[in-house]
Amino acid sequence: MNDGEPQPLSTSLPIYTATDGQPYMSCHHVAALLRAIAETCRNLDEAELVPDVLEDEANALACHAILHTRQA
């Protein structure tokens, strides 16, 4: 991503690594992420962009989780 582009919301949320090595987020943070995505989608002028927004967030969250568990 370019420096001028907004970062995915999910990359700023904390991820915890459980004893089984799996990444987890608290329900509070998941709810905050969903609300932020919903608000972003409401503000889009083009409804067809909603699936792209969701896909970008899902990809960013998956990458964030992988990086977090590799560093733990």
C-alpha atoms as a PDB file:
ATOM      1  CA  MET A   1       0.000   0.000   0.000  1.00  0.00           C
ATOM      2  CA  ASN A   2       1.070   3.559  -0.617  1.00  0.00           C
ATOM      3  CA  ASP A   3       1.636   5.890   2.290  1.00  0.00           C
ATOM      4  CA  GLY A   4      -1.344   7.999   1.214  1.00  0.00           C
ATOM      5  CA  GLU A   5      -3.787   5.080   1.192  1.00  0.00           C
ATOM      6  CA  PRO A   6      -5.768   4.258   4.314  1.00  0.00           C
ATOM      7  CA  GLN A   7      -4.626   1.152   6.127  1.00  0.00           C
ATOM      8  CA  PRO A   8      -7.060  -1.721   6.711  1.00  0.00           C
ATOM      9  CA  LEU A   9      -8.826  -1.402  10.049  1.00  0.00           C
ATOM     10  CA  SER A  10      -7.899  -4.918  11.111  1.00  0.00           C
ATOM     11  CA  THR A  11      -4.132  -4.308  11.114  1.00  0.00           C
ATOM     12  CA  SER A  12      -4.408  -2.037  14.137  1.00  0.00           C
ATOM     13  CA  LEU A  13      -6.371  -4.468  16.308  1.00  0.00           C
ATOM     14  CA  PRO A  14      -4.609  -6.572  18.930  1.00  0.00           C
ATOM     15  CA  ILE A  15      -4.205 -10.284  18.290  1.00  0.00           C
ATOM     16  CA  TYR A  16      -3.423 -12.753  21.031  1.00  0.00           C
ATOM     17  CA  THR A  17      -1.637 -16.057  20.563  1.00  0.00           C
ATOM     18  CA  ALA A  18      -3.180 -18.925  22.520  1.00  0.00           C
ATOM     19  CA  THR A  19      -1.219 -21.808  23.971  1.00  0.00           C
ATOM     20  CA  ASP A  20      -2.092 -23.823  20.868  1.00  0.00           C
ATOM     21  CA  GLY A  21      -0.325 -21.211  18.717  1.00  0.00           C
ATOM     22  CA  GLN A  22      -3.539 -19.977  17.082  1.00  0.00           C
ATOM     23  CA  PRO A  23      -4.246 -16.250  16.791  1.00  0.00           C
ATOM     24  CA  TYR A  24      -7.308 -14.877  18.570  1.00  0.00           C
ATOM     25  CA  MET A  25      -9.081 -11.530  18.911  1.00  0.00           C
ATOM     26  CA  SER A  26     -11.420 -10.536  21.690  1.00  0.00           C
ATOM     27  CA  CYS A  27     -15.127 -10.341  20.937  1.00  0.00           C
ATOM     28  CA  HIS A  28     -14.983  -6.639  21.767  1.00  0.00           C
ATOM     29  CA  HIS A  29     -12.385  -6.032  19.052  1.00  0.00           C
ATOM     30  CA  VAL A  30     -14.212  -8.174  16.493  1.00  0.00           C
ATOM     31  CA  ALA A  31     -17.412  -6.216  17.154  1.00  0.00           C
ATOM     32  CA  ALA A  32     -15.510  -2.924  16.771  1.00  0.00           C
ATOM     33  CA  LEU A  33     -14.043  -4.129  13.473  1.00  0.00           C
ATOM     34  CA  LEU A  34     -17.456  -5.132  12.137  1.00  0.00           C
ATOM     35  CA  ARG A  35     -18.982  -1.804  13.156  1.00  0.00           C
ATOM     36  CA  ALA A  36     -16.157   0.124  11.494  1.00  0.00           C
ATOM     37  CA  ILE A  37     -16.534  -1.897   8.287  1.00  0.00           C
ATOM     38  CA  ALA A  38     -20.288  -1.336   8.341  1.00  0.00           C
ATOM     39  CA  GLU A  39     -19.781   2.408   8.736  1.00  0.00           C
ATOM     40  CA  THR A  40     -17.257   2.453   5.897  1.00  0.00           C
ATOM     41  CA  CYS A  41     -19.667   0.570   3.647  1.00  0.00           C
ATOM     42  CA  ARG A  42     -22.505   2.985   4.496  1.00  0.00           C
ATOM     43  CA  ASN A  43     -20.300   5.878   3.416  1.00  0.00           C
ATOM     44  CA  LEU A  44     -19.388   4.369   0.048  1.00  0.00           C
ATOM     45  CA  ASP A  45     -21.006   5.990  -2.939  1.00  0.00           C
ATOM     46  CA  GLU A  46     -20.844   2.773  -4.929  1.00  0.00           C
ATOM     47  CA  ALA A  47     -22.505  -0.250  -3.325  1.00  0.00           C
ATOM     48  CA  GLU A  48     -20.637  -2.673  -5.586  1.00  0.00           C
ATOM     49  CA  LEU A  49     -17.439  -1.804  -3.687  1.00  0.00           C
ATOM     50  CA  VAL A  50     -18.725  -3.406  -0.462  1.00  0.00           C
ATOM     51  CA  PRO A  51     -17.495  -6.931  -1.314  1.00  0.00           C
ATOM     52  CA  ASP A  52     -14.064  -5.479  -2.138  1.00  0.00           C
ATOM     53  CA  VAL A  53     -13.925  -3.673   1.208  1.00  0.00           C
ATOM     54  CA  LEU A  54     -14.815  -6.875   3.049  1.00  0.00           C
ATOM     55  CA  GLU A  55     -12.297  -8.919   1.051  1.00  0.00           C
ATOM     56  CA  ASP A  56      -9.524  -6.387   1.700  1.00  0.00           C
ATOM     57  CA  GLU A  57     -10.228  -6.448   5.441  1.00  0.00           C
ATOM     58  CA  ALA A  58     -10.324 -10.249   5.511  1.00  0.00           C
ATOM     59  CA  ASN A  59      -6.988 -10.442   3.681  1.00  0.00           C
ATOM     60  CA  ALA A  60      -5.423  -7.844   5.966  1.00  0.00           C
ATOM     61  CA  LEU A  61      -6.660  -9.650   9.062  1.00  0.00           C
ATOM     62  CA  ALA A  62      -5.285 -12.990   7.828  1.00  0.00           C
ATOM     63  CA  CYS A  63      -1.889 -11.421   7.132  1.00  0.00           C
ATOM     64  CA  HIS A  64      -1.915  -9.635  10.503  1.00  0.00           C
ATOM     65  CA  ALA A  65      -2.640 -12.926  12.274  1.00  0.00           C
ATOM     66  CA  ILE A  66       0.108 -14.784  10.401  1.00  0.00           C
ATOM     67  CA  LEU A  67       2.683 -12.114  11.147  1.00  0.00           C
ATOM     68  CA  HIS A  68       1.667 -11.989  14.813  1.00  0.00           C
ATOM     69  CA  THR A  69       1.943 -15.735  15.368  1.00  0.00           C
ATOM     70  CA  ARG A  70       5.303 -15.950  13.556  1.00  0.00           C
ATOM     71  CA  GLN A  71       6.718 -13.269  15.826  1.00  0.00           C
ATOM     72  CA  ALA A  72       5.405 -14.855  19.014  1.00  0.00           C
END
